Amino acid sequence: MAIQRMEHVGIVVDDLAAAIEFFVELGLEPGGKGQVEGRWVDRIVGLDGVRAELAMLRAPDGHGEIELVKFHSPPTQTGDPHAPANAPGLRHLAFLVEDIDAVVAGLRERGTEPVGELERYEG
């Protein structure tokens, strides 16, 4: 069996509106939004009493999507929001951009800082 394409990457967020705004400013295009709950969702994510909102954002070329999810229930177990790069869980997303310096400058204007140094891999 071979993978035919990447469908989407799921990211759980605390503030759905802020996360949507962040990724739209990076250049992703808003897709559908919705709410989910019920036994079928409980079975998929392995939790009981799930009630969540979600939003899909897609790359301009149409070849990748991000699913942002805000869980309203069950209560979230807090973890380390500054977990190191080798901790289990989603740790990075990679995007091809036209001007990385402009993207980083825009992120810094919003109060975001890179975790490490900016490196140009093989040019």
Protein backbone atom coordinates (compact mmCIF):
# COMPACT_ATOMS: atom_id res chain seq x y z
CA MET A 1 0.00 0.00 0.00
CA ALA A 2 1.44 3.41 -0.98
CA ILE A 3 0.48 6.85 0.25
CA GLN A 4 -1.18 8.83 -2.51
CA ARG A 5 -1.17 12.28 -0.83
CA MET A 6 -1.23 14.08 2.49
CA GLU A 7 -4.82 14.95 3.41
CA HIS A 8 -4.28 17.33 6.31
CA VAL A 9 -2.38 18.03 9.53
CA GLY A 10 -4.46 18.41 12.69
CA ILE A 11 -3.57 21.02 15.28
CA VAL A 12 -5.41 21.47 18.57
CA VAL A 13 -5.56 25.14 19.59
CA ASP A 14 -6.81 27.17 22.55
CA ASP A 15 -8.02 30.16 20.49
CA LEU A 16 -9.53 29.09 17.16
CA ALA A 17 -10.09 32.62 15.82
CA ALA A 18 -6.52 33.67 16.58
CA ALA A 19 -5.12 30.50 15.01
CA ILE A 20 -7.18 31.02 11.85
CA GLU A 21 -5.98 34.63 11.63
CA PHE A 22 -2.35 33.53 12.10
CA PHE A 23 -2.44 30.97 9.27
CA VAL A 24 -4.43 33.23 6.93
CA GLU A 25 -1.80 35.95 7.42
CA LEU A 26 0.82 33.37 6.44
CA GLY A 27 -1.06 32.83 3.19
CA LEU A 28 -3.29 29.82 3.78
CA GLU A 29 -6.83 30.05 2.45
CA PRO A 30 -9.84 29.53 4.74
CA GLY A 31 -11.92 26.47 4.02
CA GLY A 32 -14.88 25.02 5.85
CA LYS A 33 -15.74 25.49 9.50
CA GLY A 34 -17.95 23.39 11.69
CA GLN A 35 -18.75 21.79 15.00
CA VAL A 36 -18.61 18.13 15.90
CA GLU A 37 -19.92 16.05 18.76
CA GLY A 38 -21.44 12.66 19.39
CA ARG A 39 -20.44 9.05 19.83
CA TRP A 40 -18.81 8.82 16.39
CA VAL A 41 -16.42 11.67 17.30
CA ASP A 42 -15.77 10.12 20.71
CA ARG A 43 -14.76 6.88 18.99
CA ILE A 44 -12.47 8.62 16.48
CA VAL A 45 -10.48 10.62 19.04
CA GLY A 46 -10.72 8.14 21.94
CA LEU A 47 -12.39 10.55 24.40
CA ASP A 48 -15.86 10.71 25.92
CA GLY A 49 -18.22 13.68 25.57
CA VAL A 50 -16.35 15.46 22.78
CA ARG A 51 -17.68 18.80 21.65
CA ALA A 52 -15.34 20.73 19.36
CA GLU A 53 -15.15 23.41 16.70
CA LEU A 54 -12.91 23.03 13.70
CA ALA A 55 -11.68 25.00 10.74
CA MET A 56 -9.87 23.88 7.61
CA LEU A 57 -7.23 25.99 5.89
CA ARG A 58 -5.56 25.04 2.64
CA ALA A 59 -2.35 25.90 0.87
CA PRO A 60 -2.79 28.19 -2.14
CA ASP A 61 -1.66 25.41 -4.48
CA GLY A 62 -4.40 23.14 -3.09
CA HIS A 63 -1.98 20.39 -2.07
CA GLY A 64 -2.15 20.54 1.70
CA GLU A 65 -4.55 21.42 4.48
CA ILE A 66 -4.43 22.20 8.16
CA GLU A 67 -7.30 21.25 10.44
CA LEU A 68 -7.48 23.52 13.49
CA VAL A 69 -9.52 22.11 16.37
CA LYS A 70 -10.75 23.80 19.55
CA PHE A 71 -12.09 21.30 22.11
CA HIS A 72 -14.84 22.63 24.38
CA SER A 73 -15.24 19.29 26.14
CA PRO A 74 -13.97 17.15 27.69
CA PRO A 75 -11.68 19.43 29.74
CA THR A 76 -8.17 19.70 28.36
CA GLN A 77 -5.26 18.36 30.36
CA THR A 78 -2.67 21.10 30.35
CA GLY A 79 0.85 20.26 29.36
CA ASP A 80 4.01 22.18 28.77
CA PRO A 81 3.23 24.85 26.13
CA HIS A 82 6.97 25.25 25.57
CA ALA A 83 7.80 21.58 25.19
CA PRO A 84 11.14 20.96 23.47
CA ALA A 85 11.43 19.83 19.86
CA ASN A 86 12.00 16.20 20.88
CA ALA A 87 8.78 15.94 22.95
CA PRO A 88 5.99 13.80 21.48
CA GLY A 89 3.33 15.70 19.52
CA LEU A 90 3.14 18.12 16.63
CA ARG A 91 6.33 20.19 16.74
CA HIS A 92 6.55 21.94 13.39
CA LEU A 93 4.92 22.61 10.05
CA ALA A 94 6.95 23.40 6.96
CA PHE A 95 5.85 25.76 4.21
CA LEU A 96 7.57 26.93 1.06
CA VAL A 97 7.43 30.74 1.05
CA GLU A 98 8.57 33.38 -1.41
CA ASP A 99 10.42 35.62 1.10
CA ILE A 100 11.30 33.95 4.41
CA ASP A 101 12.77 37.17 5.83
CA ALA A 102 9.48 39.00 5.25
CA VAL A 103 7.49 36.14 6.82
CA VAL A 104 9.72 36.09 9.91
CA ALA A 105 9.53 39.89 10.18
CA GLY A 106 5.73 39.73 10.00
CA LEU A 107 5.63 37.06 12.69
CA ARG A 108 7.90 39.11 14.93
CA GLU A 109 5.59 42.12 14.47
CA ARG A 110 2.82 39.94 15.93
CA GLY A 111 4.97 39.05 18.96
CA THR A 112 6.09 35.63 17.75
CA GLU A 113 9.72 34.55 17.88
CA PRO A 114 11.39 31.60 16.16
CA VAL A 115 12.35 28.75 18.48
CA GLY A 116 15.82 28.48 16.96
CA GLU A 117 17.86 30.22 14.32
CA LEU A 118 16.80 30.80 10.73
CA GLU A 119 18.80 28.51 8.44
CA ARG A 120 18.62 28.19 4.67
CA TYR A 121 18.77 24.47 3.96
CA GLU A 122 20.67 23.79 0.72
CA GLY A 123 20.01 27.35 -0.51
